[in-house]
Amino acid sequence: MIELTSDDRLWRNATLTTMDPTRAEPYGLLERHAIVVRNGQIRAIVPESELPAHVPQSTDLQGRLVTPGLIDCHTHLVFAGNRAQEWEQRLNGVSYQQISAEGGGISSTVRATRECPEGQLLELAQSRLARLMREGVTTIEIKSGYGLDVASEEKMLRVAGKLAQNNAVEVSRTLLAAHAAPPEYKTDPQAYIDLVCNTILPTLADKGLFDAVDAFCENVGFTPSQTEQVFRAAQALGIPVKGHVEQLSSLGGAELVSRFKGLSADHIEYLSESGVMAMRASGTVAVLLPGAFYFLNETQKPPVALLRQQGVPMAVATDFNPGTSPFASLHLAMNMACVKFGLTPEEAWAGVTRHAAQALGRKQTHGQLAAGFVADFVVWDANHPVEMIYEPGRNPLYQRIFRGEVTA
């Protein structure tokens, strides 16, 4: 029998989707269990039969389903403008090269973001974040990368920080200054990479504005040697790295990320077997982004079977951005990961809980219902976790709990 104090808060009589890999049941499911919370942390997971007769500060969930709070570990949430008309142009047969030559593509988002006042940028991002929070997201990664100069990248990261201050959500901020060469450096991308490494990265690191460094290593982005230069600059400052790699071609980006013990390699449609083996050895998470795959109508799929065979953890994220994945729905991303990439529903749930936590360097504290983890969890009017994947347009959220406090 567990002993309770006045500091304990309980959610009881629930079906818990613990996502604890040490449990034998699928999804780590436990029926008729309670979550004991103290000071924003899960103190214990206990069967109903082990609760005392009188339980103060308890909520009877009447058998409802509880999961860990969802984690969206790859987003570009902060930006101005949209690219809906460009999408229409592409559907009408206009090439991306022509759109870009006319000032479209990422350059249009950079221009709009640079010109947008910080307060308005915050309002735009707040609306997008609210949609994800309503689906049960309690932790989110937000990248910069649409500023591409010191002042604008700082503005984006400040907005991401304000979102964390203004909402019951944890925000992990990532510096993605090496996203693309801005217009003023189009003819000399190496000079821009030098600016990133020598000025943008150290200046914003000194201000404590980000938790990780990302780079777009691709034939339309930066070369492996330029990406390595960014990673070395981050490593010198003790900042973990991750990478947009192998999305459109195989350049060895995953091996590069793995060599730096990177948190994650993201997109990875063209990931090679050697890349998979390197990720397994380094503990780097494979972040799958099916929204971009779908929106770009791609055909090359990530090597899910090989990742599964080699035990590489697979996370799932929205990649919410204006150009290639305008979907602020993690439920939809989970559905796409199953339908398009062949994940099982249980793998998709692991992808937005414990594996997403690992991709953000939070493996020991987030993404599971277990003693010692943060008390971020979601109560659903549902019988089984597959329901949120099967029917992404339906949102059966009943309660959203962040650090032990009900927020919705």
Protein backbone atom coordinates (compact mmCIF):
# COMPACT_ATOMS: atom_id res chain seq x y z
CA MET A 1 0.00 0.00 0.00
CA ILE A 2 1.48 3.34 -1.07
CA GLU A 3 1.63 6.12 1.51
CA LEU A 4 0.29 9.48 0.31
CA THR A 5 0.83 12.97 1.62
CA SER A 6 -1.00 16.25 1.18
CA ASP A 7 1.51 17.16 -1.53
CA ASP A 8 0.43 14.26 -3.75
CA ARG A 9 -2.07 14.64 -6.57
CA LEU A 10 -3.62 11.54 -8.16
CA TRP A 11 -5.26 10.67 -11.44
CA ARG A 12 -6.82 7.28 -10.78
CA ASN A 13 -8.93 4.53 -12.30
CA ALA A 14 -7.29 4.96 -15.71
CA THR A 15 -5.90 2.87 -18.55
CA LEU A 16 -2.30 4.01 -18.83
CA THR A 17 -0.35 3.97 -22.07
CA THR A 18 2.98 4.17 -20.28
CA MET A 19 5.23 3.75 -23.38
CA ASP A 20 7.66 2.16 -20.93
CA PRO A 21 9.79 -0.26 -23.01
CA THR A 22 10.51 -2.42 -19.97
CA ARG A 23 6.87 -3.49 -19.79
CA ALA A 24 5.79 -6.51 -21.83
CA GLU A 25 2.34 -5.26 -22.80
CA PRO A 26 1.91 -3.42 -26.13
CA TYR A 27 2.22 0.34 -25.56
CA GLY A 28 3.12 -0.54 -21.95
CA LEU A 29 -0.64 -0.60 -21.26
CA LEU A 30 -1.81 -0.87 -17.65
CA GLU A 31 -5.49 -1.09 -16.77
CA ARG A 32 -6.99 0.26 -13.55
CA HIS A 33 -3.89 2.15 -12.49
CA ALA A 34 -3.21 5.52 -10.96
CA ILE A 35 -0.59 8.22 -11.52
CA VAL A 36 0.79 9.82 -8.37
CA VAL A 37 2.21 13.31 -8.97
CA ARG A 38 4.22 15.53 -6.66
CA ASN A 39 5.86 18.87 -7.50
CA GLY A 40 5.34 18.47 -11.24
CA GLN A 41 6.92 15.02 -11.37
CA ILE A 42 5.49 11.51 -11.50
CA ARG A 43 6.16 9.97 -8.13
CA ALA A 44 4.67 6.52 -8.80
CA ILE A 45 2.48 4.39 -11.07
CA VAL A 46 0.34 2.12 -8.88
CA PRO A 47 -2.56 -0.32 -9.28
CA GLU A 48 -5.92 0.82 -7.92
CA SER A 49 -5.77 -2.08 -5.48
CA GLU A 50 -2.73 -0.52 -3.77
CA LEU A 51 -4.36 2.84 -3.05
CA PRO A 52 -5.55 3.61 0.49
CA ALA A 53 -9.27 3.80 1.18
CA HIS A 54 -9.22 7.60 1.38
CA VAL A 55 -7.33 9.40 -1.39
CA PRO A 56 -7.13 13.20 -1.13
CA GLN A 57 -6.66 15.38 -4.24
CA SER A 58 -7.65 12.70 -6.69
CA THR A 59 -9.37 12.72 -10.07
CA ASP A 60 -11.36 9.62 -11.02
CA LEU A 61 -10.86 9.16 -14.77
CA GLN A 62 -13.48 6.40 -14.99
CA GLY A 63 -11.35 4.16 -17.13
CA ARG A 64 -10.24 6.80 -19.61
CA LEU A 65 -7.05 6.40 -21.59
CA VAL A 66 -3.90 8.30 -20.49
CA THR A 67 -0.76 8.75 -22.59
CA PRO A 68 2.43 10.71 -22.11
CA GLY A 69 2.26 14.26 -23.43
CA LEU A 70 3.00 14.34 -27.13
CA ILE A 71 6.39 15.66 -28.29
CA ASP A 72 6.79 17.33 -31.68
CA CYS A 73 10.56 17.14 -32.11
CA HIS A 74 10.97 18.93 -35.47
CA THR A 75 9.11 22.13 -36.38
CA HIS A 76 9.73 25.47 -38.09
CA LEU A 77 6.90 27.14 -36.21
CA VAL A 78 8.14 30.75 -36.25
CA PHE A 79 7.85 32.52 -39.60
CA ALA A 80 5.85 35.17 -41.43
CA GLY A 81 3.91 34.95 -44.67
CA ASN A 82 2.75 31.79 -46.39
CA ARG A 83 3.46 30.01 -49.64
CA ALA A 84 -0.02 28.85 -50.62
CA GLN A 85 0.11 30.60 -53.98
CA GLU A 86 3.46 28.99 -54.76
CA TRP A 87 1.92 25.60 -54.07
CA GLU A 88 -0.88 26.42 -56.48
CA GLN A 89 1.71 27.48 -59.07
CA ARG A 90 3.52 24.16 -58.72
CA LEU A 91 0.26 22.27 -59.14
CA ASN A 92 -0.32 24.27 -62.31
CA GLY A 93 3.03 23.18 -63.70
CA VAL A 94 5.36 26.04 -62.76
CA SER A 95 8.80 24.74 -61.75
CA TYR A 96 10.35 25.41 -58.36
CA GLN A 97 13.33 26.93 -60.16
CA GLN A 98 11.08 29.48 -61.88
CA ILE A 99 9.28 30.27 -58.63
CA SER A 100 12.61 30.77 -56.88
CA ALA A 101 13.94 32.96 -59.72
CA GLU A 102 10.90 35.18 -59.29
CA GLY A 103 11.67 35.68 -55.59
CA GLY A 104 9.65 32.78 -54.22
CA GLY A 105 10.69 29.72 -52.27
CA ILE A 106 12.52 30.06 -48.99
CA SER A 107 13.66 33.56 -50.00
CA SER A 108 10.09 34.80 -49.77
CA THR A 109 9.74 33.42 -46.24
CA VAL A 110 13.09 34.94 -45.24
CA ARG A 111 12.01 38.31 -46.59
CA ALA A 112 8.64 38.19 -44.83
CA THR A 113 10.18 37.02 -41.54
CA ARG A 114 12.88 39.68 -41.56
CA GLU A 115 10.29 42.41 -42.17
CA CYS A 116 7.76 41.14 -39.62
CA PRO A 117 7.74 42.93 -36.21
CA GLU A 118 8.51 40.63 -33.30
CA GLY A 119 5.09 41.06 -31.71
CA GLN A 120 3.30 40.04 -34.89
CA LEU A 121 5.66 37.11 -35.38
CA LEU A 122 4.75 35.96 -31.87
CA GLU A 123 1.02 36.19 -32.62
CA LEU A 124 1.40 34.10 -35.77
CA ALA A 125 3.43 31.44 -33.96
CA GLN A 126 1.03 31.41 -31.00
CA SER A 127 -1.88 30.47 -33.24
CA ARG A 128 0.07 27.55 -34.71
CA LEU A 129 1.27 26.38 -31.31
CA ALA A 130 -2.29 26.45 -29.94
CA ARG A 131 -3.38 23.96 -32.60
CA LEU A 132 -0.65 21.53 -31.58
CA MET A 133 -1.33 21.97 -27.88
CA ARG A 134 -5.01 21.17 -28.46
CA GLU A 135 -3.86 17.79 -29.80
CA GLY A 136 -1.95 17.05 -26.58
CA VAL A 137 1.51 18.37 -27.40
CA THR A 138 3.39 19.29 -24.21
CA THR A 139 6.95 19.58 -25.59
CA ILE A 140 7.97 21.06 -28.92
CA GLU A 141 11.15 21.83 -30.80
CA ILE A 142 11.20 25.13 -32.71
CA LYS A 143 13.93 25.98 -35.20
CA SER A 144 15.15 29.31 -36.45
CA GLY A 145 16.34 29.43 -40.07
CA TYR A 146 14.11 32.01 -41.75
CA GLY A 147 16.14 34.99 -40.57
CA LEU A 148 19.62 34.10 -41.84
CA ASP A 149 21.31 37.10 -40.22
CA VAL A 150 22.20 37.78 -36.61
CA ALA A 151 19.30 40.09 -35.79
CA SER A 152 16.60 38.07 -37.51
CA GLU A 153 17.75 34.69 -36.18
CA GLU A 154 17.83 36.21 -32.70
CA LYS A 155 14.31 37.56 -33.20
CA MET A 156 13.02 34.12 -34.14
CA LEU A 157 14.66 32.45 -31.15
CA ARG A 158 13.34 35.14 -28.79
CA VAL A 159 9.83 34.49 -30.09
CA ALA A 160 10.27 30.77 -29.44
CA GLY A 161 11.35 31.60 -25.89
CA LYS A 162 8.32 33.82 -25.37
CA LEU A 163 6.05 31.00 -26.50
CA ALA A 164 7.44 28.90 -23.65
CA GLN A 165 6.92 31.75 -21.18
CA ASN A 166 3.33 32.35 -22.30
CA ASN A 167 2.12 28.75 -22.57
CA ALA A 168 2.05 25.53 -20.58
CA VAL A 169 4.52 23.88 -22.93
CA GLU A 170 8.23 23.11 -22.97
CA VAL A 171 10.10 24.55 -25.94
CA SER A 172 13.44 23.26 -27.19
CA ARG A 173 15.07 25.91 -29.38
CA THR A 174 17.34 24.98 -32.28
CA LEU A 175 19.58 27.31 -34.25
CA LEU A 176 19.15 26.53 -37.96
CA ALA A 177 21.06 29.47 -39.37
CA ALA A 178 22.63 26.99 -41.83
CA HIS A 179 19.25 26.47 -43.51
CA ALA A 180 20.01 28.23 -46.81
CA ALA A 181 22.23 30.98 -48.11
CA PRO A 182 20.32 34.27 -47.83
CA PRO A 183 19.89 36.45 -50.94
CA GLU A 184 22.91 38.60 -50.10
CA TYR A 185 25.13 35.49 -50.05
CA LYS A 186 23.62 33.55 -52.96
CA THR A 187 26.82 33.75 -54.97
CA ASP A 188 29.10 32.95 -52.00
CA PRO A 189 27.51 30.38 -49.67
CA GLN A 190 30.89 29.64 -48.07
CA ALA A 191 31.13 33.23 -46.87
CA TYR A 192 27.70 32.77 -45.28
CA ILE A 193 28.80 29.57 -43.53
CA ASP A 194 31.78 31.50 -42.18
CA LEU A 195 29.35 34.12 -40.86
CA VAL A 196 27.26 31.40 -39.21
CA CYS A 197 30.27 29.81 -37.52
CA ASN A 198 32.20 32.94 -36.56
CA THR A 199 29.38 35.36 -35.71
CA ILE A 200 25.79 34.07 -35.60
CA LEU A 201 26.43 30.89 -33.62
CA PRO A 202 28.75 32.28 -30.91
CA THR A 203 26.80 35.54 -30.54
CA LEU A 204 23.47 33.82 -29.95
CA ALA A 205 25.04 31.07 -27.85
CA ASP A 206 26.41 33.73 -25.50
CA LYS A 207 22.82 34.89 -25.01
CA GLY A 208 21.61 31.37 -24.23
CA LEU A 209 19.04 31.43 -27.00
CA PHE A 210 19.21 27.83 -28.24
CA ASP A 211 19.71 24.25 -27.11
CA ALA A 212 21.01 22.62 -30.30
CA VAL A 213 22.41 23.43 -33.73
CA ASP A 214 20.97 22.12 -37.00
CA ALA A 215 22.13 22.34 -40.62
CA PHE A 216 20.61 21.48 -44.00
CA CYS A 217 23.12 19.14 -45.65
CA GLU A 218 21.73 18.61 -49.13
CA ASN A 219 22.40 19.25 -52.80
CA VAL A 220 20.11 22.29 -52.55
CA GLY A 221 21.50 23.25 -49.14
CA PHE A 222 25.06 23.03 -47.85
CA THR A 223 27.82 20.55 -48.62
CA PRO A 224 29.00 17.95 -46.10
CA SER A 225 32.22 19.92 -45.56
CA GLN A 226 30.28 23.13 -44.88
CA THR A 227 27.95 21.24 -42.55
CA GLU A 228 30.94 19.77 -40.73
CA GLN A 229 32.28 23.29 -40.26
CA VAL A 230 29.02 24.25 -38.53
CA PHE A 231 29.08 21.13 -36.38
CA ARG A 232 32.68 21.78 -35.31
CA ALA A 233 31.75 25.32 -34.29
CA ALA A 234 28.86 23.96 -32.21
CA GLN A 235 31.02 21.24 -30.70
CA ALA A 236 33.61 23.81 -29.63
CA LEU A 237 30.87 25.53 -27.63
CA GLY A 238 29.56 22.28 -26.16
CA ILE A 239 26.26 22.44 -28.04
CA PRO A 240 24.67 19.23 -29.43
CA VAL A 241 23.94 18.94 -33.15
CA LYS A 242 21.33 17.44 -35.43
CA GLY A 243 20.87 17.48 -39.19
CA HIS A 244 18.45 17.80 -42.08
CA VAL A 245 20.05 15.01 -44.15
CA GLU A 246 19.42 12.56 -47.00
CA GLN A 247 16.06 14.12 -47.88
CA LEU A 248 16.66 14.52 -51.62
CA SER A 249 19.96 12.73 -52.16
CA SER A 250 22.54 10.62 -50.37
CA LEU A 251 25.51 12.76 -49.35
CA GLY A 252 26.59 10.89 -46.23
CA GLY A 253 24.91 13.40 -43.94
CA ALA A 254 23.72 10.77 -41.50
CA GLU A 255 27.26 9.46 -41.04
CA LEU A 256 28.41 13.03 -40.47
CA VAL A 257 25.76 13.65 -37.82
CA SER A 258 26.62 10.32 -36.20
CA ARG A 259 30.33 11.15 -36.13
CA PHE A 260 29.45 14.12 -33.94
CA LYS A 261 27.16 11.95 -31.75
CA GLY A 262 24.25 14.03 -33.03
CA LEU A 263 20.86 13.92 -31.38
CA SER A 264 19.02 13.14 -34.60
CA ALA A 265 19.19 12.76 -38.35
CA ASP A 266 15.97 14.09 -39.88
CA HIS A 267 14.11 13.34 -43.14
CA ILE A 268 16.52 10.50 -44.23
CA GLU A 269 14.52 9.28 -47.25
CA TYR A 270 17.82 8.50 -49.03
CA LEU A 271 19.53 7.04 -45.96
CA SER A 272 22.04 4.32 -46.86
CA GLU A 273 22.78 1.12 -44.98
CA SER A 274 26.10 2.58 -43.83
CA GLY A 275 24.19 5.58 -42.51
CA VAL A 276 21.85 3.31 -40.57
CA MET A 277 24.78 1.46 -39.03
CA ALA A 278 26.48 4.72 -38.09
CA MET A 279 23.30 5.95 -36.39
CA ARG A 280 22.94 2.70 -34.48
CA ALA A 281 26.51 3.00 -33.20
CA SER A 282 26.14 6.65 -32.16
CA GLY A 283 22.62 6.45 -30.67
CA THR A 284 21.37 9.05 -33.14
CA VAL A 285 17.58 9.08 -33.54
CA ALA A 286 15.96 8.79 -36.98
CA VAL A 287 13.32 11.54 -37.22
CA LEU A 288 10.70 10.72 -39.85
CA LEU A 289 8.84 13.62 -41.46
CA PRO A 290 6.01 12.15 -43.54
CA GLY A 291 4.27 15.50 -44.00
CA ALA A 292 7.03 16.79 -46.28
CA PHE A 293 7.18 13.45 -48.10
CA TYR A 294 3.44 13.68 -48.79
CA PHE A 295 3.31 17.38 -49.66
CA LEU A 296 6.21 17.13 -52.11
CA ASN A 297 4.72 13.94 -53.60
CA GLU A 298 7.99 12.09 -53.12
CA THR A 299 8.43 8.40 -53.84
CA GLN A 300 11.71 7.50 -52.07
CA LYS A 301 10.82 6.26 -48.58
CA PRO A 302 13.06 6.07 -45.51
CA PRO A 303 14.50 2.56 -44.91
CA VAL A 304 12.11 1.82 -42.04
CA ALA A 305 12.58 -1.95 -42.15
CA LEU A 306 16.35 -1.60 -41.86
CA LEU A 307 16.07 1.00 -39.08
CA ARG A 308 13.73 -1.34 -37.24
CA GLN A 309 16.02 -4.34 -37.77
CA GLN A 310 19.04 -2.43 -36.44
CA GLY A 311 17.18 -1.03 -33.45
CA VAL A 312 17.57 2.62 -34.43
CA PRO A 313 14.89 4.62 -32.57
CA MET A 314 12.42 6.31 -34.93
CA ALA A 315 10.74 9.57 -33.99
CA VAL A 316 7.84 11.17 -35.87
CA ALA A 317 7.30 14.92 -36.20
CA THR A 318 5.20 17.41 -38.15
CA ASP A 319 8.06 19.40 -39.76
CA PHE A 320 5.49 22.24 -39.72
CA ASN A 321 6.74 24.86 -42.18
CA PRO A 322 5.28 27.06 -44.93
CA GLY A 323 7.00 25.47 -47.90
CA THR A 324 6.90 21.69 -47.62
CA SER A 325 4.77 20.62 -44.64
CA PRO A 326 2.03 23.10 -43.65
CA PHE A 327 0.40 20.65 -41.23
CA ALA A 328 0.04 21.65 -37.58
CA SER A 329 -1.21 18.20 -36.58
CA LEU A 330 0.93 15.57 -34.93
CA HIS A 331 -1.98 13.10 -35.15
CA LEU A 332 -1.91 13.50 -38.93
CA ALA A 333 1.86 12.99 -38.98
CA MET A 334 1.41 9.76 -37.02
CA ASN A 335 -1.23 8.58 -39.49
CA MET A 336 1.03 9.41 -42.45
CA ALA A 337 3.97 7.62 -40.82
CA CYS A 338 1.87 4.46 -40.65
CA VAL A 339 0.22 4.73 -44.06
CA LYS A 340 3.14 6.12 -46.08
CA PHE A 341 6.18 4.72 -44.26
CA GLY A 342 4.85 1.48 -42.81
CA LEU A 343 5.24 2.15 -39.10
CA THR A 344 3.01 0.21 -36.75
CA PRO A 345 0.69 2.33 -34.59
CA GLU A 346 2.78 1.42 -31.54
CA GLU A 347 5.93 2.60 -33.34
CA ALA A 348 4.17 5.84 -34.24
CA TRP A 349 3.27 6.41 -30.59
CA ALA A 350 6.85 5.70 -29.55
CA GLY A 351 7.83 8.20 -32.23
CA VAL A 352 5.95 11.07 -30.58
CA THR A 353 6.79 10.11 -27.00
CA ARG A 354 9.96 8.35 -25.83
CA HIS A 355 11.86 8.46 -29.14
CA ALA A 356 10.94 12.10 -29.72
CA ALA A 357 12.20 12.80 -26.20
CA GLN A 358 15.50 11.11 -27.06
CA ALA A 359 15.77 13.21 -30.23
CA LEU A 360 15.65 16.31 -28.01
CA GLY A 361 18.12 14.99 -25.42
CA ARG A 362 15.34 14.36 -22.89
CA LYS A 363 15.27 10.57 -22.84
CA GLN A 364 15.54 10.26 -19.05
CA THR A 365 12.79 12.75 -18.18
CA HIS A 366 10.17 12.91 -20.95
CA GLY A 367 8.05 10.66 -23.10
CA GLN A 368 6.98 7.97 -20.62
CA LEU A 369 4.58 7.50 -17.75
CA ALA A 370 7.05 6.30 -15.13
CA ALA A 371 8.37 7.35 -11.75
CA GLY A 372 10.86 10.21 -12.02
CA PHE A 373 9.55 11.54 -15.33
CA VAL A 374 7.92 14.94 -15.74
CA ALA A 375 4.18 14.94 -15.09
CA ASP A 376 3.20 15.81 -18.66
CA PHE A 377 0.36 13.60 -19.83
CA VAL A 378 -2.93 13.60 -21.71
CA VAL A 379 -6.29 12.08 -20.84
CA TRP A 380 -8.39 10.93 -23.80
CA ASP A 381 -12.02 9.96 -24.24
CA ALA A 382 -10.78 6.85 -26.01
CA ASN A 383 -10.35 3.14 -25.37
CA HIS A 384 -7.07 2.51 -27.19
CA PRO A 385 -4.14 4.64 -28.41
CA VAL A 386 -4.65 3.59 -32.03
CA GLU A 387 -7.78 5.75 -32.18
CA MET A 388 -5.85 9.05 -32.40
CA ILE A 389 -3.91 7.67 -35.38
CA TYR A 390 -6.79 5.96 -37.15
CA GLU A 391 -8.98 9.08 -37.22
CA PRO A 392 -6.71 12.16 -37.16
CA GLY A 393 -9.56 14.61 -37.77
CA ARG A 394 -11.20 13.59 -34.49
CA ASN A 395 -9.55 14.85 -31.32
CA PRO A 396 -10.85 13.05 -28.21
CA LEU A 397 -8.72 15.09 -25.78
CA TYR A 398 -10.31 15.20 -22.32
CA GLN A 399 -7.55 16.74 -20.20
CA ARG A 400 -4.05 18.02 -20.92
CA ILE A 401 -1.74 18.02 -17.90
CA PHE A 402 1.55 19.92 -17.88
CA ARG A 403 3.87 19.57 -14.90
CA GLY A 404 1.03 18.14 -12.86
CA GLU A 405 -1.42 20.96 -13.59
CA VAL A 406 -4.52 20.67 -15.75
CA THR A 407 -4.21 23.13 -18.64
CA ALA A 408 -7.08 22.07 -20.90
